[in-house]
Amino acid sequence: MMANRESTGIRVFVADDEYHICEGLKESLQKASYEVDVAYDGKEASRLLTDQVYHAAIFDLKMPGRDGLSLLRQVKEKSPDTGVIIITAFSEVSTAVDAMRLGAYDYLAKPVDLKRLHLSLRHLLEHQALVSENKELRARLGSTETFGEIVHRSPPMQQVCDTLEQAAMTDVPVLITGDTGTGKELVARAIHQRSGRRDEPLISVNCGAIPETLFESELFGHRRGAFTGAHQDKPGRFAVAEGGTLFLDEVGEIPLSNQVDLLRVLEEKVFNPVGSNSPVTSNVRLIFATNRNLEAEVQAGRFREDLYYRINVVPVRLPFLRDRREDIPLLVETFLDQLCLLHRKKRKRLTPDAMQSILNYAWPGNVRELKNVVERIVVTCPDEEVETERLPSRVRAAKPELEELTFPLRSSLADVEKQLITQTLRHVTANRKQAAEILGISLRTLQYKIKKFSLNTMKED
């Protein structure tokens, strides 16, 4: 079937009732090292497609026996992952639309431009590989602990998710705190998705982006004529979120003069639109977030103490990314999955050294900074395998940071040694070669120590 070339292992099926076209396509594809089967009418094509599964199929639209659209339906019913390219001399737009709606990958008019056909086939196969890799990733993620869209395996994040699980099915206020970029809005969305209000709206408000003069109107709405420019009634965010969840991000930025209005909603479940004397009943779940220390803000007189206690019913503190390093490889894989799809790039993977550099870096911008770095890799790196040199210089230059160890006064030398080896392995994600270099011992000595202290169950990269 092949001619003087090693097969790629990729099977392509061609069906066209014009013999010279069918043979020409077969010859061209075999020269490109594809394995090719052919049929010269729709009936024969249908029989072969019943018995075999192909990576790709190329059908003429008009054939005796069965036409290309009928064969397309047959292929998609049996093997949805098979990519189909339709070719025809009848290049009506409506037919092309029908083919694409039925799942065709591309649509080419006769006479077939072989260069374009090969390009389309290559893109089709790259798309199949990307989809397959994404399915594998999602299968791996299926065995990982998740809460909403929060993918994690570290103990600090598991503690967070345990708290969220308990709070989600209630309507009590939740206060999410954490440094910039730790994922506060993602947590708020996860709470909403697990709550009894999941089918109602989730409305997010960045309190720091609303001018003080407009804050009351933005949250509670206004009536026509309430102020200059108020030409009609306008619902506020509370009204829009009715029945659902209202997420107030950067709650520490709310002006002191407006905090009493928010306190009233929390205590009495009512608010007044600007320009109205008639209170409106509110039925929303409130989630708050801030990167400020609200206790310090209370002490400084910039945040009401009574409001602080009302919003801090269930406190959730998100850890720095550097304190949940076990999650970093999984986050990288997740972002690669998402961003390669978004930017229509073939799936990339990091070399072990590149991943180790990412693990060594302190990530002051937390998860947001990590995602930005991964996006840069996806967009700028032409290779499937990402080397360390492709990482930003600040990431490449990072060295592993070991936390300070403390021991009871009567600790034995063996206890100290065991804890030091355990901590070093944890910080380099069980990369024994790198751990040995950090500890200043040979790899053979490290392996002996791991066996001695029964640490051999740790995963080795």
Protein backbone atom coordinates (compact mmCIF):
# COMPACT_ATOMS: atom_id res chain seq x y z
CA MET A 1 0.00 0.00 0.00
CA MET A 2 2.93 2.32 0.77
CA ALA A 3 5.63 3.36 -1.67
CA ASN A 4 9.26 3.50 -0.50
CA ARG A 5 8.51 5.38 2.73
CA GLU A 6 7.95 4.41 6.33
CA SER A 7 4.29 4.60 7.17
CA THR A 8 3.05 7.25 9.60
CA GLY A 9 0.45 4.79 10.86
CA ILE A 10 -2.28 7.26 9.91
CA ARG A 11 -5.10 5.70 7.91
CA VAL A 12 -6.97 7.83 5.34
CA PHE A 13 -10.01 6.78 3.32
CA VAL A 14 -10.77 8.34 -0.09
CA ALA A 15 -14.05 7.94 -2.01
CA ASP A 16 -14.67 9.50 -5.44
CA ASP A 17 -16.52 8.13 -8.48
CA GLU A 18 -14.01 9.76 -10.86
CA TYR A 19 -11.25 7.16 -11.14
CA HIS A 20 -8.39 9.49 -12.08
CA ILE A 21 -9.18 11.82 -9.15
CA CYS A 22 -9.39 8.95 -6.70
CA GLU A 23 -6.07 7.47 -7.88
CA GLY A 24 -4.41 10.89 -7.95
CA LEU A 25 -5.39 11.59 -4.35
CA LYS A 26 -4.27 8.11 -3.32
CA GLU A 27 -0.84 8.55 -4.92
CA SER A 28 -0.34 12.00 -3.42
CA LEU A 29 -1.31 10.84 0.08
CA GLN A 30 0.86 7.72 -0.12
CA LYS A 31 3.84 9.87 -1.05
CA ALA A 32 3.19 11.74 2.21
CA SER A 33 3.42 8.36 4.04
CA TYR A 34 -0.29 7.95 4.81
CA GLU A 35 -1.94 4.53 4.59
CA VAL A 36 -4.74 4.92 2.04
CA ASP A 37 -7.84 2.90 1.16
CA VAL A 38 -10.08 3.95 -1.75
CA ALA A 39 -13.60 3.40 -3.07
CA TYR A 40 -15.02 4.40 -6.45
CA ASP A 41 -18.70 4.76 -5.53
CA GLY A 42 -20.83 5.45 -2.48
CA LYS A 43 -22.02 1.88 -2.01
CA GLU A 44 -18.49 0.44 -1.87
CA ALA A 45 -17.42 3.30 0.40
CA SER A 46 -20.25 2.53 2.82
CA ARG A 47 -19.23 -1.14 2.98
CA LEU A 48 -15.58 -0.35 3.74
CA LEU A 49 -16.51 2.25 6.34
CA THR A 50 -18.67 -0.32 8.11
CA ASP A 51 -15.69 -2.63 8.59
CA GLN A 52 -12.86 -0.16 9.21
CA VAL A 53 -12.08 2.94 11.30
CA TYR A 54 -9.91 5.70 9.82
CA HIS A 55 -8.15 8.76 11.18
CA ALA A 56 -9.49 10.81 8.26
CA ALA A 57 -11.85 10.42 5.31
CA ILE A 58 -12.13 12.38 2.05
CA PHE A 59 -15.46 12.11 0.24
CA ASP A 60 -16.75 13.35 -3.08
CA LEU A 61 -20.12 14.98 -2.48
CA LYS A 62 -21.88 13.53 -5.54
CA MET A 63 -21.46 9.77 -6.06
CA PRO A 64 -23.70 6.92 -7.22
CA GLY A 65 -24.95 4.63 -4.46
CA ARG A 66 -24.56 7.04 -1.51
CA ASP A 67 -23.49 10.68 -1.55
CA GLY A 68 -20.84 12.34 0.59
CA LEU A 69 -23.26 13.79 3.16
CA SER A 70 -24.77 10.34 3.75
CA LEU A 71 -21.29 8.86 4.22
CA LEU A 72 -20.42 11.72 6.58
CA ARG A 73 -23.40 10.83 8.78
CA GLN A 74 -22.37 7.16 8.75
CA VAL A 75 -18.80 7.96 9.81
CA LYS A 76 -19.84 10.30 12.61
CA GLU A 77 -22.27 7.73 14.02
CA LYS A 78 -19.63 4.99 14.14
CA SER A 79 -16.46 7.00 14.83
CA PRO A 80 -17.07 10.62 15.93
CA ASP A 81 -13.33 11.30 16.14
CA THR A 82 -12.72 10.57 12.45
CA GLY A 83 -12.13 13.82 10.58
CA VAL A 84 -13.93 14.27 7.26
CA ILE A 85 -13.06 16.51 4.32
CA ILE A 86 -15.71 16.95 1.59
CA ILE A 87 -14.72 17.62 -2.03
CA THR A 88 -17.09 18.45 -4.88
CA ALA A 89 -17.47 20.21 -8.17
CA PHE A 90 -20.78 21.57 -6.87
CA SER A 91 -19.47 24.37 -4.66
CA GLU A 92 -22.79 25.79 -3.46
CA VAL A 93 -22.49 27.60 -0.13
CA SER A 94 -25.59 25.89 1.25
CA THR A 95 -24.04 22.45 0.67
CA ALA A 96 -20.85 23.52 2.41
CA VAL A 97 -22.86 24.74 5.41
CA ASP A 98 -24.76 21.43 5.55
CA ALA A 99 -21.50 19.48 5.52
CA MET A 100 -19.96 21.59 8.27
CA ARG A 101 -23.08 21.31 10.41
CA LEU A 102 -22.96 17.53 10.09
CA GLY A 103 -19.38 17.56 11.37
CA ALA A 104 -17.14 17.90 8.31
CA TYR A 105 -13.76 19.41 9.17
CA ASP A 106 -13.28 21.14 5.80
CA TYR A 107 -14.85 21.60 2.38
CA LEU A 108 -12.80 21.81 -0.85
CA ALA A 109 -13.97 22.47 -4.41
CA LYS A 110 -12.76 20.63 -7.50
CA PRO A 111 -10.27 20.73 -9.07
CA VAL A 112 -8.62 19.86 -5.77
CA ASP A 113 -5.60 21.95 -4.81
CA LEU A 114 -3.32 19.21 -3.45
CA LYS A 115 -1.26 21.67 -1.42
CA ARG A 116 -4.39 22.94 0.30
CA LEU A 117 -5.68 19.39 0.80
CA HIS A 118 -2.47 18.33 2.56
CA LEU A 119 -2.55 21.46 4.71
CA SER A 120 -6.17 20.82 5.67
CA LEU A 121 -5.42 17.18 6.46
CA ARG A 122 -2.43 18.16 8.61
CA HIS A 123 -4.53 20.66 10.57
CA LEU A 124 -7.25 18.03 10.98
CA LEU A 125 -4.79 15.52 12.44
CA GLU A 126 -3.23 18.14 14.73
CA HIS A 127 -6.71 19.00 15.99
CA GLN A 128 -7.39 15.30 16.65
CA ALA A 129 -4.14 15.01 18.63
CA LEU A 130 -5.03 18.09 20.66
CA VAL A 131 -8.50 16.75 21.48
CA SER A 132 -7.04 13.38 22.44
CA GLU A 133 -4.47 14.97 24.77
CA ASN A 134 -7.15 17.10 26.36
CA LYS A 135 -9.29 13.99 26.99
CA GLU A 136 -6.32 12.35 28.69
CA LEU A 137 -5.77 15.41 30.87
CA ARG A 138 -9.42 15.56 31.84
CA ALA A 139 -9.30 11.86 32.70
CA ARG A 140 -6.34 12.55 34.99
CA LEU A 141 -8.13 15.48 36.54
CA GLY A 142 -11.10 13.23 37.17
CA SER A 143 -9.14 11.46 39.89
CA THR A 144 -8.03 14.72 41.48
CA GLU A 145 -9.87 16.45 44.30
CA THR A 146 -11.97 19.30 42.93
CA PHE A 147 -14.38 21.86 44.25
CA GLY A 148 -16.13 23.58 41.36
CA GLU A 149 -13.32 24.65 39.04
CA ILE A 150 -10.70 24.61 41.82
CA VAL A 151 -8.23 21.87 40.96
CA HIS A 152 -5.92 20.96 43.82
CA ARG A 153 -4.11 18.24 45.70
CA SER A 154 -2.31 20.22 48.43
CA PRO A 155 -3.38 20.01 52.09
CA PRO A 156 -3.83 23.83 52.44
CA MET A 157 -6.28 23.94 49.53
CA GLN A 158 -8.05 20.81 50.72
CA GLN A 159 -8.71 22.57 54.02
CA VAL A 160 -10.11 25.54 52.10
CA CYS A 161 -12.40 23.31 50.04
CA ASP A 162 -13.61 21.46 53.13
CA THR A 163 -14.73 24.81 54.57
CA LEU A 164 -16.35 25.84 51.28
CA GLU A 165 -18.22 22.54 51.06
CA GLN A 166 -19.77 23.17 54.46
CA ALA A 167 -20.69 26.77 53.68
CA ALA A 168 -21.96 26.32 50.11
CA MET A 169 -25.39 24.90 50.93
CA THR A 170 -26.17 27.64 53.44
CA ASP A 171 -26.91 31.30 52.84
CA VAL A 172 -24.47 32.68 55.41
CA PRO A 173 -22.03 35.39 54.25
CA VAL A 174 -18.54 34.20 53.31
CA LEU A 175 -15.46 36.43 53.50
CA ILE A 176 -12.63 35.32 51.20
CA THR A 177 -9.25 36.83 51.98
CA GLY A 178 -5.91 36.35 50.29
CA ASP A 179 -3.21 38.06 48.34
CA THR A 180 -3.78 39.40 44.83
CA GLY A 181 -3.98 36.61 42.26
CA THR A 182 -4.82 33.76 44.65
CA GLY A 183 -8.17 33.07 42.96
CA LYS A 184 -10.82 34.73 45.12
CA GLU A 185 -13.36 35.12 42.32
CA LEU A 186 -12.88 31.49 41.29
CA VAL A 187 -13.69 30.46 44.86
CA ALA A 188 -16.82 32.64 44.87
CA ARG A 189 -17.96 31.02 41.63
CA ALA A 190 -17.34 27.55 43.09
CA ILE A 191 -19.47 28.37 46.14
CA HIS A 192 -22.31 29.58 43.92
CA GLN A 193 -22.11 26.48 41.70
CA ARG A 194 -22.40 24.20 44.75
CA SER A 195 -25.22 26.18 46.34
CA GLY A 196 -28.99 25.88 46.03
CA ARG A 197 -28.90 29.11 44.00
CA ARG A 198 -26.78 27.63 41.21
CA ASP A 199 -29.52 28.11 38.59
CA GLU A 200 -29.87 31.80 39.43
CA PRO A 201 -27.42 34.57 38.47
CA LEU A 202 -24.00 35.15 40.00
CA ILE A 203 -23.22 38.86 39.80
CA SER A 204 -19.66 40.06 40.48
CA VAL A 205 -18.89 43.63 41.52
CA ASN A 206 -15.43 45.15 41.88
CA CYS A 207 -16.11 47.64 44.66
CA GLY A 208 -12.79 49.38 44.11
CA ALA A 209 -13.77 50.34 40.57
CA ILE A 210 -16.96 52.21 41.52
CA PRO A 211 -16.66 55.98 42.27
CA GLU A 212 -17.98 56.95 45.70
CA THR A 213 -20.64 59.19 44.16
CA LEU A 214 -22.07 56.31 42.13
CA PHE A 215 -21.69 53.51 44.65
CA GLU A 216 -25.22 53.63 46.08
CA SER A 217 -26.80 53.80 42.62
CA GLU A 218 -24.66 50.93 41.28
CA LEU A 219 -25.57 48.60 44.11
CA PHE A 220 -29.17 49.57 44.84
CA GLY A 221 -30.32 51.22 41.59
CA HIS A 222 -32.15 54.52 41.21
CA ARG A 223 -35.51 55.94 40.19
CA ARG A 224 -36.10 58.26 37.28
CA GLY A 225 -35.29 61.86 38.24
CA ALA A 226 -33.32 60.89 41.34
CA PHE A 227 -30.40 63.02 40.11
CA THR A 228 -29.24 64.85 37.01
CA GLY A 229 -28.97 62.38 34.16
CA ALA A 230 -31.30 59.79 35.73
CA HIS A 231 -33.73 59.72 32.79
CA GLN A 232 -35.21 56.34 33.63
CA ASP A 233 -35.35 53.75 36.39
CA LYS A 234 -32.24 51.62 36.63
CA PRO A 235 -31.95 48.38 38.64
CA GLY A 236 -28.86 48.00 40.82
CA ARG A 237 -26.66 44.93 41.26
CA PHE A 238 -28.80 43.66 44.14
CA ALA A 239 -31.89 43.64 41.93
CA VAL A 240 -30.04 41.96 39.06
CA ALA A 241 -28.75 39.24 41.42
CA GLU A 242 -32.17 38.63 43.00
CA GLY A 243 -32.54 34.97 43.91
CA GLY A 244 -28.87 34.31 43.18
CA THR A 245 -25.48 35.33 44.53
CA LEU A 246 -23.84 38.75 44.73
CA PHE A 247 -20.04 38.69 44.94
CA LEU A 248 -18.58 41.95 46.26
CA ASP A 249 -14.86 41.88 45.49
CA GLU A 250 -12.47 44.31 47.19
CA VAL A 251 -15.05 44.99 49.89
CA GLY A 252 -12.38 46.89 51.83
CA GLU A 253 -12.62 49.63 49.20
CA ILE A 254 -16.25 50.49 50.00
CA PRO A 255 -16.43 54.12 51.19
CA LEU A 256 -17.18 54.45 54.90
CA SER A 257 -20.26 56.53 54.10
CA ASN A 258 -21.75 53.65 52.08
CA GLN A 259 -20.96 50.85 54.50
CA VAL A 260 -24.07 51.56 56.59
CA ASP A 261 -26.29 50.87 53.54
CA LEU A 262 -24.65 47.48 53.05
CA LEU A 263 -25.04 46.73 56.75
CA ARG A 264 -28.78 47.40 56.48
CA VAL A 265 -29.16 44.87 53.67
CA LEU A 266 -27.31 42.27 55.69
CA GLU A 267 -29.40 42.84 58.80
CA GLU A 268 -32.85 43.67 57.42
CA LYS A 269 -32.77 42.16 53.87
CA VAL A 270 -34.09 45.43 52.38
CA PHE A 271 -32.65 48.41 50.52
CA ASN A 272 -33.88 51.66 49.02
CA PRO A 273 -33.08 52.61 45.42
CA VAL A 274 -31.76 56.16 45.13
CA GLY A 275 -34.71 58.55 44.86
CA SER A 276 -37.21 56.12 46.42
CA ASN A 277 -38.75 55.98 49.88
CA SER A 278 -40.15 52.50 49.35
CA PRO A 279 -37.89 49.70 50.61
CA VAL A 280 -37.25 46.74 48.31
CA THR A 281 -36.90 43.25 49.77
CA SER A 282 -33.67 41.50 48.86
CA ASN A 283 -33.12 37.76 48.47
CA VAL A 284 -29.45 37.30 47.57
CA ARG A 285 -26.53 35.28 48.91
CA LEU A 286 -23.58 37.58 49.67
CA ILE A 287 -19.95 36.60 49.23
CA PHE A 288 -17.18 39.10 49.98
CA ALA A 289 -13.48 39.21 49.14
CA THR A 290 -10.55 41.45 49.95
CA ASN A 291 -6.76 41.47 49.94
CA ARG A 292 -6.75 43.98 52.82
CA ASN A 293 -6.44 43.23 56.52
CA LEU A 294 -9.94 44.26 57.57
CA GLU A 295 -9.15 43.97 61.27
CA ALA A 296 -6.44 46.59 60.79
CA GLU A 297 -8.87 48.69 58.74
CA VAL A 298 -11.35 48.53 61.64
CA GLN A 299 -8.66 49.63 64.09
CA ALA A 300 -7.76 52.53 61.77
CA GLY A 301 -11.39 53.63 61.56
CA ARG A 302 -11.70 52.97 57.84
CA PHE A 303 -14.08 50.01 58.11
CA ARG A 304 -17.11 49.62 60.35
CA GLU A 305 -16.63 47.06 63.09
CA ASP A 306 -20.27 45.96 63.01
CA LEU A 307 -20.11 45.42 59.25
CA TYR A 308 -16.89 43.43 59.60
CA TYR A 309 -18.51 40.98 62.00
CA ARG A 310 -21.59 40.67 59.77
CA ILE A 311 -19.59 39.73 56.65
CA ASN A 312 -17.03 37.54 58.44
CA VAL A 313 -19.40 34.71 59.38
CA VAL A 314 -17.41 32.10 57.43
CA PRO A 315 -13.82 33.28 56.87
CA VAL A 316 -11.81 31.62 54.09
CA ARG A 317 -8.12 32.45 53.80
CA LEU A 318 -6.50 31.50 50.45
CA PRO A 319 -2.85 30.49 50.73
CA PHE A 320 -0.01 31.94 48.68
CA LEU A 321 0.87 29.78 45.68
CA ARG A 322 4.34 29.22 47.16
CA ASP A 323 2.64 27.56 50.15
CA ARG A 324 0.79 25.06 47.96
CA ARG A 325 3.57 23.92 45.63
CA GLU A 326 2.02 20.47 45.22
CA ASP A 327 -0.68 22.17 43.13
CA ILE A 328 1.70 23.88 40.70
CA PRO A 329 2.27 21.01 38.22
CA LEU A 330 -1.48 20.35 38.07
CA LEU A 331 -2.22 24.06 37.57
CA VAL A 332 0.36 24.22 34.76
CA GLU A 333 -1.24 21.23 33.01
CA THR A 334 -4.71 22.72 33.44
CA PHE A 335 -3.64 26.11 32.02
CA LEU A 336 -1.84 24.45 29.11
CA ASP A 337 -5.05 22.56 28.36
CA GLN A 338 -7.22 25.68 28.48
CA LEU A 339 -4.87 28.10 26.72
CA CYS A 340 -3.79 25.78 23.91
CA LEU A 341 -7.48 25.35 23.08
CA LEU A 342 -8.13 29.09 23.38
CA HIS A 343 -5.26 30.06 21.09
CA ARG A 344 -5.72 27.05 18.77
CA LYS A 345 -2.22 25.77 19.46
CA LYS A 346 -1.00 22.19 19.54
CA ARG A 347 -0.71 20.84 23.09
CA LYS A 348 2.66 21.65 24.69
CA ARG A 349 4.52 20.03 27.55
CA LEU A 350 7.29 21.26 29.83
CA THR A 351 10.59 19.45 30.21
CA PRO A 352 11.37 18.25 33.76
CA ASP A 353 13.98 21.01 34.13
CA ALA A 354 11.49 23.68 33.02
CA MET A 355 8.90 22.39 35.48
CA GLN A 356 11.50 22.38 38.24
CA SER A 357 12.31 26.05 37.55
CA ILE A 358 8.62 26.84 37.85
CA LEU A 359 8.51 24.98 41.16
CA ASN A 360 11.55 26.86 42.43
CA TYR A 361 10.05 30.30 41.75
CA ALA A 362 8.25 32.08 44.62
CA TRP A 363 5.31 33.39 42.49
CA PRO A 364 4.63 36.76 44.15
CA GLY A 365 1.71 37.20 41.74
CA ASN A 366 0.33 33.80 42.75
CA VAL A 367 -1.95 31.79 40.42
CA ARG A 368 -2.61 34.79 38.18
CA GLU A 369 1.11 35.23 37.52
CA LEU A 370 1.51 31.51 36.83
CA LYS A 371 -1.33 31.60 34.29
CA ASN A 372 0.22 34.62 32.56
CA VAL A 373 3.56 32.80 32.25
CA VAL A 374 1.87 29.69 30.82
CA GLU A 375 -0.03 31.85 28.32
CA ARG A 376 3.24 33.44 27.22
CA ILE A 377 4.68 29.95 26.67
CA VAL A 378 1.64 28.86 24.64
CA VAL A 379 1.72 31.93 22.40
CA THR A 380 5.47 32.38 21.85
CA CYS A 381 7.01 28.89 22.01
CA PRO A 382 6.91 27.16 18.59
CA ASP A 383 7.96 23.76 19.92
CA GLU A 384 5.78 21.11 21.54
CA GLU A 385 8.40 20.59 24.26
CA VAL A 386 9.10 23.71 26.30
CA GLU A 387 12.70 24.06 27.49
CA THR A 388 13.83 26.11 30.47
CA GLU A 389 15.19 28.79 28.12
CA ARG A 390 11.62 29.63 27.10
CA LEU A 391 10.69 30.70 30.63
CA PRO A 392 10.96 34.34 31.80
CA SER A 393 14.40 35.16 33.21
CA ARG A 394 13.01 35.69 36.73
CA VAL A 395 11.65 32.15 36.72
CA ARG A 396 14.80 30.59 35.24
CA ALA A 397 16.98 32.26 37.90
CA ALA A 398 14.95 30.99 40.87
CA LYS A 399 16.52 28.56 43.33
CA PRO A 400 14.69 26.18 45.67
CA GLU A 401 13.76 27.83 48.95
CA LEU A 402 13.83 25.57 52.01
CA GLU A 403 11.87 26.62 55.03
CA GLU A 404 13.67 26.97 58.35
CA LEU A 405 13.76 23.73 60.32
CA THR A 406 13.27 23.58 64.09
CA PHE A 407 13.80 20.59 66.33
CA PRO A 408 13.17 19.73 69.99
CA LEU A 409 16.31 20.09 72.08
CA ARG A 410 16.71 16.31 72.56
CA SER A 411 16.18 15.38 68.90
CA SER A 412 18.50 12.65 67.65
CA LEU A 413 20.79 13.19 64.68
CA ALA A 414 18.70 10.62 62.78
CA ASP A 415 15.51 12.64 63.41
CA VAL A 416 17.17 15.81 62.11
CA GLU A 417 18.53 14.01 59.05
CA LYS A 418 15.18 12.41 58.26
CA GLN A 419 13.30 15.73 58.47
CA LEU A 420 15.89 17.51 56.34
CA ILE A 421 15.72 14.86 53.61
CA THR A 422 11.91 14.79 53.74
CA GLN A 423 11.63 18.58 53.42
CA THR A 424 14.18 18.74 50.60
CA LEU A 425 12.39 16.03 48.60
CA ARG A 426 9.08 17.82 49.10
CA HIS A 427 10.43 21.13 47.80
CA VAL A 428 11.85 19.55 44.65
CA THR A 429 8.75 17.38 44.18
CA ALA A 430 10.69 14.17 44.86
CA ASN A 431 13.36 14.80 42.21
CA ARG A 432 16.09 12.74 43.88
CA LYS A 433 18.93 13.96 41.68
CA GLN A 434 18.26 17.59 42.53
CA ALA A 435 17.65 16.78 46.19
CA ALA A 436 21.05 15.07 46.38
CA GLU A 437 22.71 18.16 44.87
CA ILE A 438 21.03 20.44 47.41
CA LEU A 439 21.99 18.18 50.32
CA GLY A 440 25.59 17.84 49.11
CA ILE A 441 25.53 14.05 48.94
CA SER A 442 25.65 11.51 46.14
CA LEU A 443 22.48 10.15 44.59
CA ARG A 444 23.46 6.69 45.82
CA THR A 445 23.79 7.97 49.40
CA LEU A 446 20.41 9.70 49.17
CA GLN A 447 18.76 6.52 47.94
CA TYR A 448 20.28 4.64 50.86
CA LYS A 449 18.95 7.25 53.31
CA ILE A 450 15.46 7.12 51.74
CA LYS A 451 15.41 3.36 52.25
CA LYS A 452 16.83 3.66 55.76
CA PHE A 453 14.17 6.13 56.90
CA SER A 454 11.36 4.31 54.98
CA LEU A 455 10.83 7.25 52.64
CA ASN A 456 10.87 5.04 49.54
CA THR A 457 7.14 5.51 48.99
CA MET A 458 7.71 9.10 47.80
CA LYS A 459 7.10 9.68 44.12
CA GLU A 460 10.23 10.08 42.01
CA ASP A 461 10.20 12.25 38.89
